[in-house]
Amino acid sequence: MEEARGRRNMDRFENELVLPIASGRSHGIRNGRAASKDQPFIDLRSDTVTLPTAEMREAIARAELGDDFYGEDPTVNQLQDMAAKMTGKAAALLVTSGTMANLIALMVHCPRGRKAIVGSKAHAYLWEAGGGAAVGGVVMTPVANLENGALDLTQLEDELATPPDAHFAQPSLVATENTHNLCGGVAVTTSHMAEVAAMAGKCGVPVHLDGARIFNAAIALESDVRTLANYADSVTFCLSKGLGCPVGSL
């Protein structure tokens, strides 16, 4: 039901959230039809339509290259080091998408047949092709998301308290999201993130943060990325949304 509602909301965005502007031209969708390239508009379907700036294109063209397989691409290495430093983590890895990044995190934290506790409206649960289960053998176990993007802490506590019995998939991860896409893009409070981290930590369960738009969350909460990432053992963020890169997540 949540997935169907999300799809309807996306359809509504694609049909309605294209606003006229005074200047500038682009391609897009309006009322299910391709908009004319000569008709100016602001495309608000998603920040995924953000394109690289001219300055970014020039920087890409000038970037120093090397063989990433051998760890010899200095630009990739610099990006990964920068991401690790910004998030306060030991290392970072550049991958092609947020879905891939979240899947890697799920599989790192969860052996096959173990449980990842996720929000019922989480992108990793509803919008990532069931990769955790299909590829990683992870039991994706939802708890309710509240309107403010928070997890229902009573349900979370119940799932963390799974009896240590061979009949039950044991919890190996709590997966959070900030900002929260299907809860209206809300920034989840740091106090809630701290509560989740404390509850999971008490049970010896790590926390993963889907921070596809973590820079938006940091600004909205008047915080910084490192502080938000500190409430999780692993974090992902997307380069190709509001940051405007052609591709990539870390």
C-alpha atoms as a PDB file:
ATOM      1  CA  MET A   1       0.000   0.000   0.000  1.00  0.00           C
ATOM      2  CA  GLU A   2       2.818   2.426   0.910  1.00  0.00           C
ATOM      3  CA  GLU A   3       4.593   1.661  -2.366  1.00  0.00           C
ATOM      4  CA  ALA A   4       1.419   2.277  -4.382  1.00  0.00           C
ATOM      5  CA  ARG A   5       0.828   5.571  -2.552  1.00  0.00           C
ATOM      6  CA  GLY A   6       4.406   6.589  -3.237  1.00  0.00           C
ATOM      7  CA  ARG A   7       3.982   5.802  -6.936  1.00  0.00           C
ATOM      8  CA  ARG A   8       0.807   7.910  -7.067  1.00  0.00           C
ATOM      9  CA  ASN A   9       2.618  10.787  -5.400  1.00  0.00           C
ATOM     10  CA  MET A  10       5.447  10.506  -7.929  1.00  0.00           C
ATOM     11  CA  ASP A  11       2.932  10.554 -10.795  1.00  0.00           C
ATOM     12  CA  ARG A  12       1.377  13.674  -9.321  1.00  0.00           C
ATOM     13  CA  PHE A  13       4.773  15.356  -9.110  1.00  0.00           C
ATOM     14  CA  GLU A  14       5.559  14.479 -12.724  1.00  0.00           C
ATOM     15  CA  ASN A  15       2.237  15.877 -13.916  1.00  0.00           C
ATOM     16  CA  GLU A  16       1.961  19.020 -11.778  1.00  0.00           C
ATOM     17  CA  LEU A  17       5.265  20.269 -10.412  1.00  0.00           C
ATOM     18  CA  VAL A  18       6.567  21.995 -13.519  1.00  0.00           C
ATOM     19  CA  LEU A  19       6.371  25.755 -13.078  1.00  0.00           C
ATOM     20  CA  PRO A  20       6.788  28.488 -15.706  1.00  0.00           C
ATOM     21  CA  ILE A  21       9.704  30.905 -15.354  1.00  0.00           C
ATOM     22  CA  ALA A  22      10.738  34.075 -17.099  1.00  0.00           C
ATOM     23  CA  SER A  23      13.808  32.758 -18.864  1.00  0.00           C
ATOM     24  CA  GLY A  24      15.811  29.583 -19.492  1.00  0.00           C
ATOM     25  CA  ARG A  25      14.944  26.541 -21.580  1.00  0.00           C
ATOM     26  CA  SER A  26      14.946  22.813 -20.949  1.00  0.00           C
ATOM     27  CA  HIS A  27      13.190  19.551 -21.723  1.00  0.00           C
ATOM     28  CA  GLY A  28      10.762  17.902 -19.302  1.00  0.00           C
ATOM     29  CA  ILE A  29       7.344  16.394 -18.694  1.00  0.00           C
ATOM     30  CA  ARG A  30       4.095  18.275 -18.305  1.00  0.00           C
ATOM     31  CA  ASN A  31       0.755  16.490 -17.906  1.00  0.00           C
ATOM     32  CA  GLY A  32       2.329  13.266 -19.119  1.00  0.00           C
ATOM     33  CA  ARG A  33       3.725  14.850 -22.321  1.00  0.00           C
ATOM     34  CA  ALA A  34       7.199  16.011 -23.204  1.00  0.00           C
ATOM     35  CA  ALA A  35       7.464  19.779 -22.803  1.00  0.00           C
ATOM     36  CA  SER A  36       8.732  21.781 -25.742  1.00  0.00           C
ATOM     37  CA  LYS A  37      12.405  22.677 -25.620  1.00  0.00           C
ATOM     38  CA  ASP A  38      11.353  26.268 -26.392  1.00  0.00           C
ATOM     39  CA  GLN A  39       9.004  26.516 -23.409  1.00  0.00           C
ATOM     40  CA  PRO A  40      10.792  27.739 -20.260  1.00  0.00           C
ATOM     41  CA  PHE A  41       9.985  26.091 -16.933  1.00  0.00           C
ATOM     42  CA  ILE A  42      11.399  24.992 -13.578  1.00  0.00           C
ATOM     43  CA  ASP A  43      11.300  21.195 -13.238  1.00  0.00           C
ATOM     44  CA  LEU A  44      10.402  20.255  -9.650  1.00  0.00           C
ATOM     45  CA  ARG A  45       9.756  16.544 -10.162  1.00  0.00           C
ATOM     46  CA  SER A  46      12.931  15.668  -8.288  1.00  0.00           C
ATOM     47  CA  ASP A  47      16.389  16.993  -7.498  1.00  0.00           C
ATOM     48  CA  THR A  48      17.629  14.056  -9.600  1.00  0.00           C
ATOM     49  CA  VAL A  49      17.064  16.232 -12.675  1.00  0.00           C
ATOM     50  CA  THR A  50      19.821  18.604 -11.497  1.00  0.00           C
ATOM     51  CA  LEU A  51      22.475  18.952 -14.203  1.00  0.00           C
ATOM     52  CA  PRO A  52      26.183  19.715 -13.829  1.00  0.00           C
ATOM     53  CA  THR A  53      27.120  23.382 -14.032  1.00  0.00           C
ATOM     54  CA  ALA A  54      29.479  24.669 -16.702  1.00  0.00           C
ATOM     55  CA  GLU A  55      32.190  24.931 -14.053  1.00  0.00           C
ATOM     56  CA  MET A  56      31.695  21.294 -13.076  1.00  0.00           C
ATOM     57  CA  ARG A  57      31.897  20.178 -16.709  1.00  0.00           C
ATOM     58  CA  GLU A  58      35.163  22.070 -17.091  1.00  0.00           C
ATOM     59  CA  ALA A  59      36.542  20.516 -13.900  1.00  0.00           C
ATOM     60  CA  ILE A  60      35.574  17.050 -15.173  1.00  0.00           C
ATOM     61  CA  ALA A  61      37.387  17.689 -18.451  1.00  0.00           C
ATOM     62  CA  ARG A  62      40.522  18.813 -16.607  1.00  0.00           C
ATOM     63  CA  ALA A  63      40.484  16.048 -13.965  1.00  0.00           C
ATOM     64  CA  GLU A  64      43.633  13.987 -13.556  1.00  0.00           C
ATOM     65  CA  LEU A  65      42.906  10.333 -14.369  1.00  0.00           C
ATOM     66  CA  GLY A  66      44.366   6.939 -13.558  1.00  0.00           C
ATOM     67  CA  ASP A  67      43.433   3.262 -13.249  1.00  0.00           C
ATOM     68  CA  ASP A  68      40.967   2.961 -10.389  1.00  0.00           C
ATOM     69  CA  PHE A  69      41.333  -0.849 -10.330  1.00  0.00           C
ATOM     70  CA  TYR A  70      44.883  -0.371  -9.078  1.00  0.00           C
ATOM     71  CA  GLY A  71      43.875   2.526  -6.835  1.00  0.00           C
ATOM     72  CA  GLU A  72      45.773   4.908  -9.101  1.00  0.00           C
ATOM     73  CA  ASP A  73      43.060   7.402 -10.034  1.00  0.00           C
ATOM     74  CA  PRO A  74      44.084  10.471  -8.019  1.00  0.00           C
ATOM     75  CA  THR A  75      40.753  12.229  -8.512  1.00  0.00           C
ATOM     76  CA  VAL A  76      38.733   9.268  -7.209  1.00  0.00           C
ATOM     77  CA  ASN A  77      41.167   8.824  -4.327  1.00  0.00           C
ATOM     78  CA  GLN A  78      40.877  12.494  -3.408  1.00  0.00           C
ATOM     79  CA  LEU A  79      37.069  12.327  -3.549  1.00  0.00           C
ATOM     80  CA  GLN A  80      36.949   9.236  -1.327  1.00  0.00           C
ATOM     81  CA  ASP A  81      39.356  10.773   1.191  1.00  0.00           C
ATOM     82  CA  MET A  82      37.293  13.965   1.248  1.00  0.00           C
ATOM     83  CA  ALA A  83      34.057  12.013   1.813  1.00  0.00           C
ATOM     84  CA  ALA A  84      35.604   9.980   4.642  1.00  0.00           C
ATOM     85  CA  LYS A  85      36.844  13.145   6.333  1.00  0.00           C
ATOM     86  CA  MET A  86      33.501  14.949   5.941  1.00  0.00           C
ATOM     87  CA  THR A  87      31.569  12.054   7.475  1.00  0.00           C
ATOM     88  CA  GLY A  88      34.155  11.137  10.101  1.00  0.00           C
ATOM     89  CA  LYS A  89      34.454   7.581   8.819  1.00  0.00           C
ATOM     90  CA  ALA A  90      37.564   5.465   8.293  1.00  0.00           C
ATOM     91  CA  ALA A  91      37.187   5.201   4.517  1.00  0.00           C
ATOM     92  CA  ALA A  92      34.805   5.853   1.627  1.00  0.00           C
ATOM     93  CA  LEU A  93      34.038   4.102  -1.648  1.00  0.00           C
ATOM     94  CA  LEU A  94      32.727   5.706  -4.842  1.00  0.00           C
ATOM     95  CA  VAL A  95      29.949   3.669  -6.500  1.00  0.00           C
ATOM     96  CA  THR A  96      27.500   4.399  -9.291  1.00  0.00           C
ATOM     97  CA  SER A  97      24.272   4.880  -7.308  1.00  0.00           C
ATOM     98  CA  GLY A  98      22.696   5.265  -3.886  1.00  0.00           C
ATOM     99  CA  THR A  99      20.908   1.951  -4.360  1.00  0.00           C
ATOM    100  CA  MET A 100      24.266   0.237  -4.845  1.00  0.00           C
ATOM    101  CA  ALA A 101      25.751   2.059  -1.858  1.00  0.00           C
ATOM    102  CA  ASN A 102      22.882   1.052   0.431  1.00  0.00           C
ATOM    103  CA  LEU A 103      23.038  -2.541  -0.814  1.00  0.00           C
ATOM    104  CA  ILE A 104      26.751  -2.733  -0.057  1.00  0.00           C
ATOM    105  CA  ALA A 105      26.097  -1.433   3.458  1.00  0.00           C
ATOM    106  CA  LEU A 106      23.300  -3.956   4.013  1.00  0.00           C
ATOM    107  CA  MET A 107      25.521  -6.829   2.912  1.00  0.00           C
ATOM    108  CA  VAL A 108      28.492  -5.636   4.973  1.00  0.00           C
ATOM    109  CA  HIS A 109      26.432  -5.466   8.147  1.00  0.00           C
ATOM    110  CA  CYS A 110      24.068  -8.410   7.613  1.00  0.00           C
ATOM    111  CA  PRO A 111      25.044 -12.025   6.955  1.00  0.00           C
ATOM    112  CA  ARG A 112      22.507 -13.931   4.854  1.00  0.00           C
ATOM    113  CA  GLY A 113      19.384 -14.742   6.826  1.00  0.00           C
ATOM    114  CA  ARG A 114      19.892 -11.914   9.322  1.00  0.00           C
ATOM    115  CA  LYS A 115      17.494  -9.046   9.845  1.00  0.00           C
ATOM    116  CA  ALA A 116      17.801  -5.382   8.861  1.00  0.00           C
ATOM    117  CA  ILE A 117      15.254  -3.207  10.658  1.00  0.00           C
ATOM    118  CA  VAL A 118      14.077  -0.418   8.337  1.00  0.00           C
ATOM    119  CA  GLY A 119      11.362   2.218   8.240  1.00  0.00           C
ATOM    120  CA  SER A 120       8.131   1.225   6.519  1.00  0.00           C
ATOM    121  CA  LYS A 121       8.538   4.214   4.168  1.00  0.00           C
ATOM    122  CA  ALA A 122      12.297   3.883   3.728  1.00  0.00           C
ATOM    123  CA  HIS A 123      13.749   4.219   0.253  1.00  0.00           C
ATOM    124  CA  ALA A 124      15.923   1.156   0.936  1.00  0.00           C
ATOM    125  CA  TYR A 125      12.776  -0.847   1.717  1.00  0.00           C
ATOM    126  CA  LEU A 126      10.355   0.331  -0.990  1.00  0.00           C
ATOM    127  CA  TRP A 127      12.365   1.754  -3.883  1.00  0.00           C
ATOM    128  CA  GLU A 128      15.533  -0.301  -4.281  1.00  0.00           C
ATOM    129  CA  ALA A 129      14.228  -3.365  -6.137  1.00  0.00           C
ATOM    130  CA  GLY A 130      14.322  -5.593  -3.066  1.00  0.00           C
ATOM    131  CA  GLY A 131      18.085  -5.828  -3.460  1.00  0.00           C
ATOM    132  CA  GLY A 132      18.749  -6.519   0.201  1.00  0.00           C
ATOM    133  CA  ALA A 133      16.692  -9.699   0.012  1.00  0.00           C
ATOM    134  CA  ALA A 134      17.309 -10.663  -3.624  1.00  0.00           C
ATOM    135  CA  VAL A 135      21.067 -10.148  -3.666  1.00  0.00           C
ATOM    136  CA  GLY A 136      22.119 -10.175  -0.034  1.00  0.00           C
ATOM    137  CA  GLY A 137      19.660 -12.617   1.516  1.00  0.00           C
ATOM    138  CA  VAL A 138      18.826  -9.966   4.124  1.00  0.00           C
ATOM    139  CA  VAL A 139      15.462 -10.144   5.911  1.00  0.00           C
ATOM    140  CA  MET A 140      14.137  -6.588   5.501  1.00  0.00           C
ATOM    141  CA  THR A 141      11.929  -5.971   8.539  1.00  0.00           C
ATOM    142  CA  PRO A 142       9.874  -2.749   8.575  1.00  0.00           C
ATOM    143  CA  VAL A 143       8.814  -0.682  11.564  1.00  0.00           C
ATOM    144  CA  ALA A 144       6.470   2.274  11.198  1.00  0.00           C
ATOM    145  CA  ASN A 145       7.725   5.639  10.042  1.00  0.00           C
ATOM    146  CA  LEU A 146       5.983   8.570  11.706  1.00  0.00           C
ATOM    147  CA  GLU A 147       5.014  11.675   9.740  1.00  0.00           C
ATOM    148  CA  ASN A 148       8.199  13.433  10.888  1.00  0.00           C
ATOM    149  CA  GLY A 149      10.348  10.655   9.413  1.00  0.00           C
ATOM    150  CA  ALA A 150      11.175   9.144  12.791  1.00  0.00           C
ATOM    151  CA  LEU A 151      10.995   5.424  13.462  1.00  0.00           C
ATOM    152  CA  ASP A 152       8.368   4.167  15.895  1.00  0.00           C
ATOM    153  CA  LEU A 153      10.662   3.520  18.865  1.00  0.00           C
ATOM    154  CA  THR A 154       8.301   1.035  20.529  1.00  0.00           C
ATOM    155  CA  GLN A 155       8.252  -1.125  17.405  1.00  0.00           C
ATOM    156  CA  LEU A 156      12.013  -0.713  17.029  1.00  0.00           C
ATOM    157  CA  GLU A 157      12.549  -1.875  20.595  1.00  0.00           C
ATOM    158  CA  ASP A 158      10.372  -4.940  19.956  1.00  0.00           C
ATOM    159  CA  GLU A 159      12.336  -5.896  16.828  1.00  0.00           C
ATOM    160  CA  LEU A 160      15.662  -5.407  18.582  1.00  0.00           C
ATOM    161  CA  ALA A 161      14.421  -7.717  21.334  1.00  0.00           C
ATOM    162  CA  THR A 162      13.995 -10.681  18.964  1.00  0.00           C
ATOM    163  CA  PRO A 163      14.455 -13.847  21.064  1.00  0.00           C
ATOM    164  CA  PRO A 164      17.882 -15.485  20.569  1.00  0.00           C
ATOM    165  CA  ASP A 165      16.292 -18.556  19.066  1.00  0.00           C
ATOM    166  CA  ALA A 166      17.295 -20.348  15.859  1.00  0.00           C
ATOM    167  CA  HIS A 167      13.715 -19.998  14.606  1.00  0.00           C
ATOM    168  CA  PHE A 168      14.032 -16.213  14.260  1.00  0.00           C
ATOM    169  CA  ALA A 169      16.128 -14.006  12.007  1.00  0.00           C
ATOM    170  CA  GLN A 170      18.382 -12.065  14.362  1.00  0.00           C
ATOM    171  CA  PRO A 171      18.798  -8.287  14.018  1.00  0.00           C
ATOM    172  CA  SER A 172      22.099  -7.229  12.488  1.00  0.00           C
ATOM    173  CA  LEU A 173      21.307  -3.660  11.436  1.00  0.00           C
ATOM    174  CA  VAL A 174      19.019  -0.683  11.959  1.00  0.00           C
ATOM    175  CA  ALA A 175      18.733   1.351   8.738  1.00  0.00           C
ATOM    176  CA  THR A 176      17.697   5.007   8.981  1.00  0.00           C
ATOM    177  CA  GLU A 177      17.135   7.778   6.416  1.00  0.00           C
ATOM    178  CA  ASN A 178      17.777  11.536   6.625  1.00  0.00           C
ATOM    179  CA  THR A 179      16.355  13.553   4.973  1.00  0.00           C
ATOM    180  CA  HIS A 180      13.343  11.280   4.625  1.00  0.00           C
ATOM    181  CA  ASN A 181      12.033  11.158   1.074  1.00  0.00           C
ATOM    182  CA  LEU A 182       8.544   9.630   1.447  1.00  0.00           C
ATOM    183  CA  CYS A 183       7.855  11.643   4.609  1.00  0.00           C
ATOM    184  CA  GLY A 184       7.907  14.829   2.582  1.00  0.00           C
ATOM    185  CA  GLY A 185      11.648  15.366   2.544  1.00  0.00           C
ATOM    186  CA  VAL A 186      11.668  16.180   6.252  1.00  0.00           C
ATOM    187  CA  ALA A 187      14.945  16.408   8.168  1.00  0.00           C
ATOM    188  CA  VAL A 188      14.843  13.902  11.032  1.00  0.00           C
ATOM    189  CA  THR A 189      15.932  15.465  14.319  1.00  0.00           C
ATOM    190  CA  THR A 190      19.322  14.759  15.850  1.00  0.00           C
ATOM    191  CA  SER A 191      17.619  13.853  19.126  1.00  0.00           C
ATOM    192  CA  HIS A 192      15.769  11.020  17.391  1.00  0.00           C
ATOM    193  CA  MET A 193      18.927   9.883  15.628  1.00  0.00           C
ATOM    194  CA  ALA A 194      20.648   9.779  19.020  1.00  0.00           C
ATOM    195  CA  GLU A 195      17.808   7.707  20.517  1.00  0.00           C
ATOM    196  CA  VAL A 196      17.969   5.176  17.691  1.00  0.00           C
ATOM    197  CA  ALA A 197      21.750   4.923  17.973  1.00  0.00           C
ATOM    198  CA  ALA A 198      21.521   4.384  21.737  1.00  0.00           C
ATOM    199  CA  MET A 199      18.831   1.697  21.452  1.00  0.00           C
ATOM    200  CA  ALA A 200      20.696  -0.172  18.735  1.00  0.00           C
ATOM    201  CA  GLY A 201      24.033   0.189  20.501  1.00  0.00           C
ATOM    202  CA  LYS A 202      22.627  -1.265  23.703  1.00  0.00           C
ATOM    203  CA  CYS A 203      21.804  -4.410  21.711  1.00  0.00           C
ATOM    204  CA  GLY A 204      25.127  -4.463  19.873  1.00  0.00           C
ATOM    205  CA  VAL A 205      23.423  -3.696  16.548  1.00  0.00           C
ATOM    206  CA  PRO A 206      25.040  -1.197  14.140  1.00  0.00           C
ATOM    207  CA  VAL A 207      23.151   1.653  12.458  1.00  0.00           C
ATOM    208  CA  HIS A 208      23.307   2.588   8.773  1.00  0.00           C
ATOM    209  CA  LEU A 209      22.232   6.034   7.589  1.00  0.00           C
ATOM    210  CA  ASP A 210      20.842   6.474   4.086  1.00  0.00           C
ATOM    211  CA  GLY A 211      21.956  10.078   3.750  1.00  0.00           C
ATOM    212  CA  ALA A 212      21.232  10.527   0.057  1.00  0.00           C
ATOM    213  CA  ARG A 213      20.396  14.161   0.890  1.00  0.00           C
ATOM    214  CA  ILE A 214      22.381  14.473   4.115  1.00  0.00           C
ATOM    215  CA  PHE A 215      23.694  17.903   3.107  1.00  0.00           C
ATOM    216  CA  ASN A 216      20.087  19.137   2.944  1.00  0.00           C
ATOM    217  CA  ALA A 217      19.467  17.657   6.397  1.00  0.00           C
ATOM    218  CA  ALA A 218      22.563  19.316   7.837  1.00  0.00           C
ATOM    219  CA  ILE A 219      21.452  22.733   6.577  1.00  0.00           C
ATOM    220  CA  ALA A 220      17.849  22.280   7.756  1.00  0.00           C
ATOM    221  CA  LEU A 221      18.990  21.171  11.220  1.00  0.00           C
ATOM    222  CA  GLU A 222      21.699  23.865  11.423  1.00  0.00           C
ATOM    223  CA  SER A 223      24.209  21.092  11.950  1.00  0.00           C
ATOM    224  CA  ASP A 224      26.967  19.529   9.855  1.00  0.00           C
ATOM    225  CA  VAL A 225      27.363  16.265   7.971  1.00  0.00           C
ATOM    226  CA  ARG A 226      29.957  14.864  10.369  1.00  0.00           C
ATOM    227  CA  THR A 227      27.645  15.348  13.356  1.00  0.00           C
ATOM    228  CA  LEU A 228      24.744  13.579  11.640  1.00  0.00           C
ATOM    229  CA  ALA A 229      26.962  10.746  10.402  1.00  0.00           C
ATOM    230  CA  ASN A 230      28.258  10.274  13.941  1.00  0.00           C
ATOM    231  CA  TYR A 231      24.904   8.702  14.856  1.00  0.00           C
ATOM    232  CA  ALA A 232      25.563   5.825  12.424  1.00  0.00           C
ATOM    233  CA  ASP A 233      28.250   3.226  11.815  1.00  0.00           C
ATOM    234  CA  SER A 234      27.989   3.650   8.048  1.00  0.00           C
ATOM    235  CA  VAL A 235      26.496   6.359   5.860  1.00  0.00           C
ATOM    236  CA  THR A 236      25.772   6.875   2.180  1.00  0.00           C
ATOM    237  CA  PHE A 237      25.189  10.096   0.282  1.00  0.00           C
ATOM    238  CA  CYS A 238      24.344  10.875  -3.328  1.00  0.00           C
ATOM    239  CA  LEU A 239      26.351  13.093  -5.665  1.00  0.00           C
ATOM    240  CA  SER A 240      23.835  13.310  -8.513  1.00  0.00           C
ATOM    241  CA  LYS A 241      20.901  14.975  -6.749  1.00  0.00           C
ATOM    242  CA  GLY A 242      21.212  18.483  -5.344  1.00  0.00           C
ATOM    243  CA  LEU A 243      25.001  18.360  -5.675  1.00  0.00           C
ATOM    244  CA  GLY A 244      24.522  18.223  -9.452  1.00  0.00           C
ATOM    245  CA  CYS A 245      27.106  15.599 -10.427  1.00  0.00           C
ATOM    246  CA  PRO A 246      26.468  13.382 -13.474  1.00  0.00           C
ATOM    247  CA  VAL A 247      26.536  10.144 -11.467  1.00  0.00           C
ATOM    248  CA  GLY A 248      27.698   8.565  -8.255  1.00  0.00           C
ATOM    249  CA  SER A 249      27.253   7.956  -4.538  1.00  0.00           C
ATOM    250  CA  LEU A 250      29.649   7.311  -1.675  1.00  0.00           C
END
